[in-house]
């Protein structure tokens, strides 16, 4: 029973799991921001292309 109380392997695994989940959340947030910027950029390019074809 004493060995079981002093075993910290489960706590370490939980800590690593939390770190990985925070990294994943940061990556998802960054990718969403990049996607929004990219979408805006392609929208601007499309507008300029349509304007040049209408001239």
PDB file of N, CA and C in Angstrom:
ATOM      1  N   UNK A   1       0.821  -1.199   0.000  1.00  0.00           N
ATOM      2  CA  UNK A   1       0.000   0.000   0.000  1.00  0.00           C
ATOM      3  C   UNK A   1       0.865   1.263   0.000  1.00  0.00           C
ATOM      4  N   UNK A   2       2.009   1.223   0.724  1.00  0.00           N
ATOM      5  CA  UNK A   2       2.901   2.383   0.761  1.00  0.00           C
ATOM      6  C   UNK A   2       3.471   2.676  -0.619  1.00  0.00           C
ATOM      7  N   UNK A   3       3.795   1.604  -1.372  1.00  0.00           N
ATOM      8  CA  UNK A   3       4.323   1.794  -2.730  1.00  0.00           C
ATOM      9  C   UNK A   3       3.287   2.499  -3.609  1.00  0.00           C
ATOM     10  N   UNK A   4       2.058   2.101  -3.442  1.00  0.00           N
ATOM     11  CA  UNK A   4       0.991   2.686  -4.255  1.00  0.00           C
ATOM     12  C   UNK A   4       0.808   4.174  -3.955  1.00  0.00           C
ATOM     13  N   UNK A   5       0.934   4.565  -2.695  1.00  0.00           N
ATOM     14  CA  UNK A   5       0.771   5.964  -2.317  1.00  0.00           C
ATOM     15  C   UNK A   5       1.917   6.844  -2.812  1.00  0.00           C
ATOM     16  N   UNK A   6       3.099   6.271  -2.964  1.00  0.00           N
ATOM     17  CA  UNK A   6       4.263   7.045  -3.396  1.00  0.00           C
ATOM     18  C   UNK A   6       4.521   6.950  -4.895  1.00  0.00           C
ATOM     19  N   UNK A   7       3.695   6.230  -5.603  1.00  0.00           N
ATOM     20  CA  UNK A   7       3.855   6.075  -7.055  1.00  0.00           C
ATOM     21  C   UNK A   7       3.354   7.339  -7.751  1.00  0.00           C
ATOM     22  N   UNK A   8       4.232   8.028  -8.483  1.00  0.00           N
ATOM     23  CA  UNK A   8       3.869   9.285  -9.150  1.00  0.00           C
ATOM     24  C   UNK A   8       3.784   9.150 -10.662  1.00  0.00           C
ATOM     25  N   UNK A   9       3.842   7.945 -11.179  1.00  0.00           N
ATOM     26  CA  UNK A   9       3.810   7.784 -12.634  1.00  0.00           C
ATOM     27  C   UNK A   9       2.494   8.273 -13.243  1.00  0.00           C
ATOM     28  N   UNK A  10       1.395   8.024 -12.579  1.00  0.00           N
ATOM     29  CA  UNK A  10       0.099   8.484 -13.094  1.00  0.00           C
ATOM     30  C   UNK A  10       0.011   9.999 -13.130  1.00  0.00           C
ATOM     31  N   UNK A  11       0.551  10.654 -12.106  1.00  0.00           N
ATOM     32  CA  UNK A  11       0.536  12.121 -12.068  1.00  0.00           C
ATOM     33  C   UNK A  11       1.372  12.698 -13.203  1.00  0.00           C
ATOM     34  N   UNK A  12       2.498  12.079 -13.483  1.00  0.00           N
ATOM     35  CA  UNK A  12       3.346  12.550 -14.576  1.00  0.00           C
ATOM     36  C   UNK A  12       2.635  12.402 -15.919  1.00  0.00           C
ATOM     37  N   UNK A  13       1.950  11.290 -16.103  1.00  0.00           N
ATOM     38  CA  UNK A  13       1.211  11.082 -17.350  1.00  0.00           C
ATOM     39  C   UNK A  13       0.116  12.133 -17.507  1.00  0.00           C
ATOM     40  N   UNK A  14      -0.557  12.453 -16.430  1.00  0.00           N
ATOM     41  CA  UNK A  14      -1.613  13.482 -16.486  1.00  0.00           C
ATOM     42  C   UNK A  14      -1.015  14.840 -16.826  1.00  0.00           C
ATOM     43  N   UNK A  15       0.129  15.156 -16.234  1.00  0.00           N
ATOM     44  CA  UNK A  15       0.790  16.436 -16.536  1.00  0.00           C
ATOM     45  C   UNK A  15       1.172  16.521 -17.999  1.00  0.00           C
ATOM     46  N   UNK A  16       1.740  15.448 -18.531  1.00  0.00           N
ATOM     47  CA  UNK A  16       2.100  15.439 -19.953  1.00  0.00           C
ATOM     48  C   UNK A  16       0.848  15.569 -20.823  1.00  0.00           C
ATOM     49  N   UNK A  17      -0.229  14.929 -20.430  1.00  0.00           N
ATOM     50  CA  UNK A  17      -1.479  15.038 -21.175  1.00  0.00           C
ATOM     51  C   UNK A  17      -1.998  16.458 -21.194  1.00  0.00           C
ATOM     52  N   UNK A  18      -1.905  17.159 -20.069  1.00  0.00           N
ATOM     53  CA  UNK A  18      -2.347  18.553 -20.013  1.00  0.00           C
ATOM     54  C   UNK A  18      -1.468  19.447 -20.882  1.00  0.00           C
ATOM     55  N   UNK A  19      -0.171  19.218 -20.860  1.00  0.00           N
ATOM     56  CA  UNK A  19       0.745  20.012 -21.682  1.00  0.00           C
ATOM     57  C   UNK A  19       0.425  19.812 -23.162  1.00  0.00           C
ATOM     58  N   UNK A  20       0.230  18.552 -23.556  1.00  0.00           N
ATOM     59  CA  UNK A  20      -0.085  18.262 -24.962  1.00  0.00           C
ATOM     60  C   UNK A  20      -1.409  18.903 -25.355  1.00  0.00           C
ATOM     61  N   UNK A  21      -2.398  18.859 -24.476  1.00  0.00           N
ATOM     62  CA  UNK A  21      -3.690  19.455 -24.821  1.00  0.00           C
ATOM     63  C   UNK A  21      -3.578  20.966 -24.982  1.00  0.00           C
ATOM     64  N   UNK A  22      -2.769  21.620 -24.164  1.00  0.00           N
ATOM     65  CA  UNK A  22      -2.568  23.064 -24.322  1.00  0.00           C
ATOM     66  C   UNK A  22      -1.864  23.387 -25.636  1.00  0.00           C
ATOM     67  N   UNK A  23      -0.901  22.556 -26.006  1.00  0.00           N
ATOM     68  CA  UNK A  23      -0.206  22.761 -27.284  1.00  0.00           C
ATOM     69  C   UNK A  23      -1.172  22.595 -28.444  1.00  0.00           C
ATOM     70  N   UNK A  24      -2.028  21.586 -28.379  1.00  0.00           N
ATOM     71  CA  UNK A  24      -3.006  21.353 -29.444  1.00  0.00           C
ATOM     72  C   UNK A  24      -3.978  22.532 -29.554  1.00  0.00           C
ATOM     73  N   UNK A  25      -4.426  23.051 -28.425  1.00  0.00           N
ATOM     74  CA  UNK A  25      -5.329  24.207 -28.440  1.00  0.00           C
ATOM     75  C   UNK A  25      -4.639  25.410 -29.079  1.00  0.00           C
ATOM     76  N   UNK A  26      -3.360  25.615 -28.770  1.00  0.00           N
ATOM     77  CA  UNK A  26      -2.613  26.730 -29.362  1.00  0.00           C
ATOM     78  C   UNK A  26      -2.473  26.546 -30.872  1.00  0.00           C
ATOM     79  N   UNK A  27      -2.218  25.325 -31.308  1.00  0.00           N
ATOM     80  CA  UNK A  27      -2.076  25.055 -32.745  1.00  0.00           C
ATOM     81  C   UNK A  27      -3.404  25.302 -33.466  1.00  0.00           C
ATOM     82  N   UNK A  28      -4.501  24.837 -32.884  1.00  0.00           N
ATOM     83  CA  UNK A  28      -5.815  25.034 -33.511  1.00  0.00           C
ATOM     84  C   UNK A  28      -6.140  26.518 -33.618  1.00  0.00           C
ATOM     85  N   UNK A  29      -5.859  27.268 -32.569  1.00  0.00           N
ATOM     86  CA  UNK A  29      -6.120  28.712 -32.585  1.00  0.00           C
ATOM     87  C   UNK A  29      -5.287  29.401 -33.664  1.00  0.00           C
ATOM     88  N   UNK A  30      -4.019  29.026 -33.761  1.00  0.00           N
ATOM     89  CA  UNK A  30      -3.146  29.625 -34.771  1.00  0.00           C
ATOM     90  C   UNK A  30      -3.616  29.280 -36.182  1.00  0.00           C
ATOM     91  N   UNK A  31      -4.041  28.044 -36.383  1.00  0.00           N
ATOM     92  CA  UNK A  31      -4.498  27.639 -37.712  1.00  0.00           C
ATOM     93  C   UNK A  31      -5.790  28.362 -38.092  1.00  0.00           C
ATOM     94  N   UNK A  32      -6.681  28.584 -37.135  1.00  0.00           N
ATOM     95  CA  UNK A  32      -7.910  29.330 -37.434  1.00  0.00           C
ATOM     96  C   UNK A  32      -7.584  30.769 -37.822  1.00  0.00           C
ATOM     97  N   UNK A  33      -6.647  31.374 -37.132  1.00  0.00           N
ATOM     98  CA  UNK A  33      -6.248  32.738 -37.451  1.00  0.00           C
ATOM     99  C   UNK A  33      -5.629  32.794 -38.851  1.00  0.00           C
ATOM    100  N   UNK A  34      -4.787  31.827 -39.156  1.00  0.00           N
ATOM    101  CA  UNK A  34      -4.169  31.765 -40.487  1.00  0.00           C
ATOM    102  C   UNK A  34      -5.232  31.561 -41.561  1.00  0.00           C
ATOM    103  N   UNK A  35      -6.214  30.705 -41.292  1.00  0.00           N
ATOM    104  CA  UNK A  35      -7.268  30.442 -42.268  1.00  0.00           C
ATOM    105  C   UNK A  35      -8.080  31.705 -42.535  1.00  0.00           C
ATOM    106  N   UNK A  36      -8.388  32.460 -41.487  1.00  0.00           N
ATOM    107  CA  UNK A  36      -9.143  33.703 -41.676  1.00  0.00           C
ATOM    108  C   UNK A  36      -8.348  34.704 -42.499  1.00  0.00           C
ATOM    109  N   UNK A  37      -7.057  34.832 -42.219  1.00  0.00           N
ATOM    110  CA  UNK A  37      -6.219  35.762 -42.978  1.00  0.00           C
ATOM    111  C   UNK A  37      -6.111  35.329 -44.434  1.00  0.00           C
ATOM    112  N   UNK A  38      -5.952  34.044 -44.643  1.00  0.00           N
ATOM    113  CA  UNK A  38      -5.835  33.523 -46.001  1.00  0.00           C
ATOM    114  C   UNK A  38      -7.133  33.729 -46.768  1.00  0.00           C
ATOM    115  N   UNK A  39      -8.239  33.499 -46.118  1.00  0.00           N
ATOM    116  CA  UNK A  39      -9.540  33.687 -46.762  1.00  0.00           C
ATOM    117  C   UNK A  39      -9.729  35.145 -47.166  1.00  0.00           C
ATOM    118  N   UNK A  40      -9.357  36.057 -46.273  1.00  0.00           N
ATOM    119  CA  UNK A  40      -9.460  37.485 -46.597  1.00  0.00           C
ATOM    120  C   UNK A  40      -8.567  37.847 -47.777  1.00  0.00           C
ATOM    121  N   UNK A  41      -7.355  37.316 -47.801  1.00  0.00           N
ATOM    122  CA  UNK A  41      -6.422  37.607 -48.882  1.00  0.00           C
ATOM    123  C   UNK A  41      -6.987  37.139 -50.220  1.00  0.00           C
ATOM    124  N   UNK A  42      -7.534  35.912 -50.262  1.00  0.00           N
ATOM    125  CA  UNK A  42      -8.073  35.398 -51.519  1.00  0.00           C
ATOM    126  C   UNK A  42      -9.316  36.174 -51.934  1.00  0.00           C
ATOM    127  N   UNK A  43     -10.072  36.682 -50.973  1.00  0.00           N
ATOM    128  CA  UNK A  43     -11.221  37.519 -51.303  1.00  0.00           C
ATOM    129  C   UNK A  43     -10.796  38.813 -51.975  1.00  0.00           C
ATOM    130  N   UNK A  44      -9.740  39.420 -51.476  1.00  0.00           N
ATOM    131  CA  UNK A  44      -9.203  40.651 -52.073  1.00  0.00           C
ATOM    132  C   UNK A  44      -8.692  40.378 -53.480  1.00  0.00           C
ATOM    133  N   UNK A  45      -7.994  39.283 -53.658  1.00  0.00           N
ATOM    134  CA  UNK A  45      -7.478  38.929 -54.990  1.00  0.00           C
ATOM    135  C   UNK A  45      -8.628  38.695 -55.957  1.00  0.00           C
ATOM    136  N   UNK A  46      -9.669  38.015 -55.497  1.00  0.00           N
ATOM    137  CA  UNK A  46     -10.822  37.770 -56.353  1.00  0.00           C
ATOM    138  C   UNK A  46     -11.491  39.078 -56.764  1.00  0.00           C
ATOM    139  N   UNK A  47     -11.647  40.008 -55.825  1.00  0.00           N
ATOM    140  CA  UNK A  47     -12.254  41.305 -56.139  1.00  0.00           C
ATOM    141  C   UNK A  47     -11.431  42.067 -57.171  1.00  0.00           C
ATOM    142  N   UNK A  48     -10.112  42.067 -57.000  1.00  0.00           N
ATOM    143  CA  UNK A  48      -9.252  42.786 -57.966  1.00  0.00           C
ATOM    144  C   UNK A  48      -9.298  42.129 -59.332  1.00  0.00           C
ATOM    145  N   UNK A  49      -9.370  40.808 -59.362  1.00  0.00           N
ATOM    146  CA  UNK A  49      -9.455  40.099 -60.635  1.00  0.00           C
ATOM    147  C   UNK A  49     -10.759  40.436 -61.353  1.00  0.00           C
ATOM    148  N   UNK A  50     -11.849  40.440 -60.609  1.00  0.00           N
ATOM    149  CA  UNK A  50     -13.143  40.766 -61.220  1.00  0.00           C
ATOM    150  C   UNK A  50     -13.180  42.203 -61.712  1.00  0.00           C
ATOM    151  N   UNK A  51     -12.549  43.126 -60.963  1.00  0.00           N
ATOM    152  CA  UNK A  51     -12.502  44.532 -61.380  1.00  0.00           C
ATOM    153  C   UNK A  51     -11.690  44.677 -62.662  1.00  0.00           C
ATOM    154  N   UNK A  52     -10.594  43.943 -62.771  1.00  0.00           N
ATOM    155  CA  UNK A  52      -9.754  44.059 -63.971  1.00  0.00           C
ATOM    156  C   UNK A  52     -10.446  43.465 -65.192  1.00  0.00           C
ATOM    157  N   UNK A  53     -11.279  42.463 -64.996  1.00  0.00           N
ATOM    158  CA  UNK A  53     -11.999  41.878 -66.123  1.00  0.00           C
ATOM    159  C   UNK A  53     -13.190  42.728 -66.561  1.00  0.00           C
ATOM    160  N   UNK A  54     -13.729  43.523 -65.656  1.00  0.00           N
ATOM    161  CA  UNK A  54     -14.867  44.386 -65.980  1.00  0.00           C
ATOM    162  C   UNK A  54     -14.428  45.705 -66.619  1.00  0.00           C
ATOM    163  N   UNK A  55     -13.164  46.016 -66.568  1.00  0.00           N
ATOM    164  CA  UNK A  55     -12.680  47.295 -67.113  1.00  0.00           C
ATOM    165  C   UNK A  55     -12.536  47.276 -68.597  1.00  0.00           C
TER     166      UNK A  55
END
